[in-house]
Amino acid sequence: MFIIHFKKLSMAYIKKTKPSKFRQDSYNRHNEWGISRIKTLLKKKGYNIIQKEEDFGIDIKADKNGLIYLFEVETKTGYPFKDKKSFKFETVSFLARKSKWVSTPFWYIIICKETESLVCCNSDVIFKEKYKEKIAINSYERKGVDEFYRVPKDLCYWHQL
């Protein structure tokens, strides 16, 4: 009897956490942590951060030498990496739902929470049909099928904070 009840709870939980759905709790745990580290890095590299209200759009808008740059930041945990060599996959998976901003080029940055290392790629490189794939997700917070752009890691830039 307990097992059946547990399975019903598990299925209800899964329905609430499809990969493409927004999770406020995950956002609260990871979003500001990653963005603050990238802002610090950008300032050290000579960028001026343009202050903006949270609008669930591109995370960071910055100016350098009169040019405006946009940065989208994702925080990842669970598979630590320090550089391209220690990244255990041949491709880097970028969320397909971020392609909604493809008309405005931006830098997509994935920062590793365990090592504070990052991988980044420009949206002009990422969002090509040849990289688009549907992938089954089965993590602590999410379960289901989602779309990603899986870019060869050689086309990405790697950096340690």
C-alpha atoms as a PDB file:
ATOM      1  CA  MET A   1       0.000   0.000   0.000  1.00  0.00           C
ATOM      2  CA  PHE A   2       2.786   2.442   0.879  1.00  0.00           C
ATOM      3  CA  ILE A   3       4.622   1.692  -2.360  1.00  0.00           C
ATOM      4  CA  ILE A   4       1.587   2.520  -4.501  1.00  0.00           C
ATOM      5  CA  HIS A   5       1.092   5.760  -2.597  1.00  0.00           C
ATOM      6  CA  PHE A   6       4.769   6.643  -3.082  1.00  0.00           C
ATOM      7  CA  LYS A   7       4.521   6.007  -6.824  1.00  0.00           C
ATOM      8  CA  LYS A   8       1.508   8.314  -7.082  1.00  0.00           C
ATOM      9  CA  LEU A   9       3.434  11.068  -5.306  1.00  0.00           C
ATOM     10  CA  SER A  10       6.420  10.534  -7.588  1.00  0.00           C
ATOM     11  CA  MET A  11       4.298  10.788 -10.723  1.00  0.00           C
ATOM     12  CA  ALA A  12       2.676  13.980  -9.452  1.00  0.00           C
ATOM     13  CA  TYR A  13       6.119  15.436  -8.774  1.00  0.00           C
ATOM     14  CA  ILE A  14       7.322  14.505 -12.260  1.00  0.00           C
ATOM     15  CA  LYS A  15       4.317  16.186 -13.893  1.00  0.00           C
ATOM     16  CA  LYS A  16       5.198  19.407 -12.110  1.00  0.00           C
ATOM     17  CA  THR A  17       8.822  19.414 -13.248  1.00  0.00           C
ATOM     18  CA  LYS A  18       8.941  18.954 -16.996  1.00  0.00           C
ATOM     19  CA  PRO A  19      12.338  20.112 -18.286  1.00  0.00           C
ATOM     20  CA  SER A  20      11.022  23.115 -20.179  1.00  0.00           C
ATOM     21  CA  LYS A  21       9.016  24.460 -17.233  1.00  0.00           C
ATOM     22  CA  PHE A  22      10.317  27.270 -15.060  1.00  0.00           C
ATOM     23  CA  ARG A  23      11.237  26.290 -11.484  1.00  0.00           C
ATOM     24  CA  GLN A  24      11.286  29.215  -9.078  1.00  0.00           C
ATOM     25  CA  ASP A  25      13.101  27.222  -6.365  1.00  0.00           C
ATOM     26  CA  SER A  26      15.955  26.297  -8.705  1.00  0.00           C
ATOM     27  CA  TYR A  27      16.105  29.847 -10.037  1.00  0.00           C
ATOM     28  CA  ASN A  28      16.336  31.193  -6.467  1.00  0.00           C
ATOM     29  CA  ARG A  29      19.213  28.818  -5.586  1.00  0.00           C
ATOM     30  CA  HIS A  30      21.350  29.343  -8.664  1.00  0.00           C
ATOM     31  CA  ASN A  31      20.525  32.420 -10.717  1.00  0.00           C
ATOM     32  CA  GLU A  32      22.023  35.268  -8.682  1.00  0.00           C
ATOM     33  CA  TRP A  33      25.063  33.175  -7.720  1.00  0.00           C
ATOM     34  CA  GLY A  34      26.084  32.693 -11.361  1.00  0.00           C
ATOM     35  CA  ILE A  35      25.172  36.171 -12.551  1.00  0.00           C
ATOM     36  CA  SER A  36      27.137  37.863  -9.763  1.00  0.00           C
ATOM     37  CA  ARG A  37      30.287  35.910 -10.631  1.00  0.00           C
ATOM     38  CA  ILE A  38      30.012  36.709 -14.320  1.00  0.00           C
ATOM     39  CA  LYS A  39      29.404  40.407 -13.589  1.00  0.00           C
ATOM     40  CA  THR A  40      32.572  40.457 -11.469  1.00  0.00           C
ATOM     41  CA  LEU A  41      34.539  38.822 -14.300  1.00  0.00           C
ATOM     42  CA  LEU A  42      33.165  41.260 -16.873  1.00  0.00           C
ATOM     43  CA  LYS A  43      34.073  44.263 -14.709  1.00  0.00           C
ATOM     44  CA  LYS A  44      37.646  42.928 -14.411  1.00  0.00           C
ATOM     45  CA  LYS A  45      37.719  42.648 -18.222  1.00  0.00           C
ATOM     46  CA  GLY A  46      36.721  46.302 -18.619  1.00  0.00           C
ATOM     47  CA  TYR A  47      32.980  46.016 -19.184  1.00  0.00           C
ATOM     48  CA  ASN A  48      30.525  48.466 -17.616  1.00  0.00           C
ATOM     49  CA  ILE A  49      27.438  46.637 -16.368  1.00  0.00           C
ATOM     50  CA  ILE A  50      24.191  48.323 -17.365  1.00  0.00           C
ATOM     51  CA  GLN A  51      21.760  48.047 -14.469  1.00  0.00           C
ATOM     52  CA  LYS A  52      18.373  46.592 -15.275  1.00  0.00           C
ATOM     53  CA  GLU A  53      15.365  45.186 -13.465  1.00  0.00           C
ATOM     54  CA  GLU A  54      14.831  41.407 -13.507  1.00  0.00           C
ATOM     55  CA  ASP A  55      12.664  40.811 -16.551  1.00  0.00           C
ATOM     56  CA  PHE A  56      13.456  37.124 -17.160  1.00  0.00           C
ATOM     57  CA  GLY A  57      15.138  38.190 -20.379  1.00  0.00           C
ATOM     58  CA  ILE A  58      18.861  38.215 -21.095  1.00  0.00           C
ATOM     59  CA  ASP A  59      20.673  38.246 -17.743  1.00  0.00           C
ATOM     60  CA  ILE A  60      23.408  40.838 -18.257  1.00  0.00           C
ATOM     61  CA  LYS A  61      23.712  43.866 -20.497  1.00  0.00           C
ATOM     62  CA  ALA A  62      27.154  45.474 -20.578  1.00  0.00           C
ATOM     63  CA  ASP A  63      29.003  48.200 -22.444  1.00  0.00           C
ATOM     64  CA  LYS A  64      32.624  48.068 -23.530  1.00  0.00           C
ATOM     65  CA  ASN A  65      34.224  50.714 -25.736  1.00  0.00           C
ATOM     66  CA  GLY A  66      30.827  52.003 -26.809  1.00  0.00           C
ATOM     67  CA  LEU A  67      29.495  48.584 -27.856  1.00  0.00           C
ATOM     68  CA  ILE A  68      26.653  46.767 -26.081  1.00  0.00           C
ATOM     69  CA  TYR A  69      27.106  43.079 -25.222  1.00  0.00           C
ATOM     70  CA  LEU A  70      24.497  40.664 -23.884  1.00  0.00           C
ATOM     71  CA  PHE A  71      25.187  37.642 -21.664  1.00  0.00           C
ATOM     72  CA  GLU A  72      22.893  34.800 -20.653  1.00  0.00           C
ATOM     73  CA  VAL A  73      24.122  32.865 -17.592  1.00  0.00           C
ATOM     74  CA  GLU A  74      23.239  29.306 -16.545  1.00  0.00           C
ATOM     75  CA  THR A  75      24.589  27.644 -13.408  1.00  0.00           C
ATOM     76  CA  LYS A  76      25.261  23.906 -13.593  1.00  0.00           C
ATOM     77  CA  THR A  77      25.964  21.415 -10.839  1.00  0.00           C
ATOM     78  CA  GLY A  78      26.582  17.695 -10.750  1.00  0.00           C
ATOM     79  CA  TYR A  79      29.351  17.311 -13.309  1.00  0.00           C
ATOM     80  CA  PRO A  80      32.274  19.490 -12.275  1.00  0.00           C
ATOM     81  CA  PHE A  81      34.736  20.723 -14.881  1.00  0.00           C
ATOM     82  CA  LYS A  82      37.683  23.101 -14.903  1.00  0.00           C
ATOM     83  CA  ASP A  83      38.431  23.261 -18.616  1.00  0.00           C
ATOM     84  CA  LYS A  84      37.720  21.635 -21.970  1.00  0.00           C
ATOM     85  CA  LYS A  85      39.846  18.620 -21.107  1.00  0.00           C
ATOM     86  CA  SER A  86      38.037  17.887 -17.827  1.00  0.00           C
ATOM     87  CA  PHE A  87      34.568  18.427 -19.354  1.00  0.00           C
ATOM     88  CA  LYS A  88      33.315  14.850 -19.680  1.00  0.00           C
ATOM     89  CA  PHE A  89      31.150  15.364 -22.763  1.00  0.00           C
ATOM     90  CA  GLU A  90      32.118  15.907 -26.411  1.00  0.00           C
ATOM     91  CA  THR A  91      29.440  18.568 -26.802  1.00  0.00           C
ATOM     92  CA  VAL A  92      28.113  21.380 -24.622  1.00  0.00           C
ATOM     93  CA  SER A  93      24.324  21.406 -24.227  1.00  0.00           C
ATOM     94  CA  PHE A  94      22.650  24.799 -24.452  1.00  0.00           C
ATOM     95  CA  LEU A  95      18.931  25.129 -23.679  1.00  0.00           C
ATOM     96  CA  ALA A  96      16.817  25.439 -26.829  1.00  0.00           C
ATOM     97  CA  ARG A  97      14.329  27.721 -25.067  1.00  0.00           C
ATOM     98  CA  LYS A  98      17.000  30.432 -25.078  1.00  0.00           C
ATOM     99  CA  SER A  99      16.839  30.502 -28.888  1.00  0.00           C
ATOM    100  CA  LYS A 100      13.887  32.917 -28.512  1.00  0.00           C
ATOM    101  CA  TRP A 101      16.536  35.669 -28.358  1.00  0.00           C
ATOM    102  CA  VAL A 102      18.437  34.519 -31.446  1.00  0.00           C
ATOM    103  CA  SER A 103      17.654  37.732 -33.356  1.00  0.00           C
ATOM    104  CA  THR A 104      19.869  39.611 -30.876  1.00  0.00           C
ATOM    105  CA  PRO A 105      23.332  38.006 -30.639  1.00  0.00           C
ATOM    106  CA  PHE A 106      24.450  37.190 -27.115  1.00  0.00           C
ATOM    107  CA  TRP A 107      27.035  35.195 -25.219  1.00  0.00           C
ATOM    108  CA  TYR A 108      25.641  32.104 -23.514  1.00  0.00           C
ATOM    109  CA  ILE A 109      27.688  31.239 -20.430  1.00  0.00           C
ATOM    110  CA  ILE A 110      27.466  28.060 -18.353  1.00  0.00           C
ATOM    111  CA  ILE A 111      29.222  28.343 -15.001  1.00  0.00           C
ATOM    112  CA  CYS A 112      30.065  25.288 -12.905  1.00  0.00           C
ATOM    113  CA  LYS A 113      29.030  25.814  -9.288  1.00  0.00           C
ATOM    114  CA  GLU A 114      31.570  23.310  -7.943  1.00  0.00           C
ATOM    115  CA  THR A 115      34.669  24.776  -9.644  1.00  0.00           C
ATOM    116  CA  GLU A 116      33.622  28.288 -10.741  1.00  0.00           C
ATOM    117  CA  SER A 117      34.842  27.463 -14.228  1.00  0.00           C
ATOM    118  CA  LEU A 118      32.854  28.447 -17.248  1.00  0.00           C
ATOM    119  CA  VAL A 119      32.201  27.556 -20.824  1.00  0.00           C
ATOM    120  CA  CYS A 120      30.686  30.041 -23.232  1.00  0.00           C
ATOM    121  CA  CYS A 121      29.662  30.300 -26.834  1.00  0.00           C
ATOM    122  CA  ASN A 122      28.049  32.959 -28.994  1.00  0.00           C
ATOM    123  CA  SER A 123      24.406  32.502 -29.933  1.00  0.00           C
ATOM    124  CA  ASP A 124      25.334  32.820 -33.627  1.00  0.00           C
ATOM    125  CA  VAL A 125      27.311  29.571 -33.279  1.00  0.00           C
ATOM    126  CA  ILE A 126      24.911  27.714 -30.962  1.00  0.00           C
ATOM    127  CA  PHE A 127      21.493  27.997 -32.540  1.00  0.00           C
ATOM    128  CA  LYS A 128      21.998  26.063 -35.753  1.00  0.00           C
ATOM    129  CA  GLU A 129      19.636  23.294 -36.780  1.00  0.00           C
ATOM    130  CA  LYS A 130      22.506  20.793 -37.103  1.00  0.00           C
ATOM    131  CA  TYR A 131      23.138  21.030 -33.334  1.00  0.00           C
ATOM    132  CA  LYS A 132      19.495  20.709 -32.230  1.00  0.00           C
ATOM    133  CA  GLU A 133      18.553  17.498 -30.378  1.00  0.00           C
ATOM    134  CA  LYS A 134      15.843  16.180 -28.102  1.00  0.00           C
ATOM    135  CA  ILE A 135      17.279  14.671 -24.940  1.00  0.00           C
ATOM    136  CA  ALA A 136      15.662  12.690 -22.136  1.00  0.00           C
ATOM    137  CA  ILE A 137      16.276  14.383 -18.769  1.00  0.00           C
ATOM    138  CA  ASN A 138      16.145  12.508 -15.483  1.00  0.00           C
ATOM    139  CA  SER A 139      17.624  14.686 -12.761  1.00  0.00           C
ATOM    140  CA  TYR A 140      16.696  15.556  -9.203  1.00  0.00           C
ATOM    141  CA  GLU A 141      14.560  18.484 -10.286  1.00  0.00           C
ATOM    142  CA  ARG A 142      13.443  17.584 -13.790  1.00  0.00           C
ATOM    143  CA  LYS A 143      12.225  14.616 -15.788  1.00  0.00           C
ATOM    144  CA  GLY A 144      11.087  14.386 -19.390  1.00  0.00           C
ATOM    145  CA  VAL A 145      12.270  15.282 -22.860  1.00  0.00           C
ATOM    146  CA  ASP A 146      13.697  18.689 -23.674  1.00  0.00           C
ATOM    147  CA  GLU A 147      15.405  20.299 -26.642  1.00  0.00           C
ATOM    148  CA  PHE A 148      19.021  21.382 -26.590  1.00  0.00           C
ATOM    149  CA  TYR A 149      21.625  22.611 -28.978  1.00  0.00           C
ATOM    150  CA  ARG A 150      24.653  20.374 -28.533  1.00  0.00           C
ATOM    151  CA  VAL A 151      27.686  22.288 -29.753  1.00  0.00           C
ATOM    152  CA  PRO A 152      31.106  20.618 -30.135  1.00  0.00           C
ATOM    153  CA  LYS A 153      33.200  21.690 -27.178  1.00  0.00           C
ATOM    154  CA  ASP A 154      36.000  22.816 -29.503  1.00  0.00           C
ATOM    155  CA  LEU A 155      33.736  25.668 -30.684  1.00  0.00           C
ATOM    156  CA  CYS A 156      33.341  26.981 -27.140  1.00  0.00           C
ATOM    157  CA  TYR A 157      35.536  29.168 -24.943  1.00  0.00           C
ATOM    158  CA  TRP A 158      36.692  27.936 -21.544  1.00  0.00           C
ATOM    159  CA  HIS A 159      37.728  29.992 -18.538  1.00  0.00           C
ATOM    160  CA  GLN A 160      38.399  29.578 -14.814  1.00  0.00           C
ATOM    161  CA  LEU A 161      37.446  32.344 -12.386  1.00  0.00           C
END
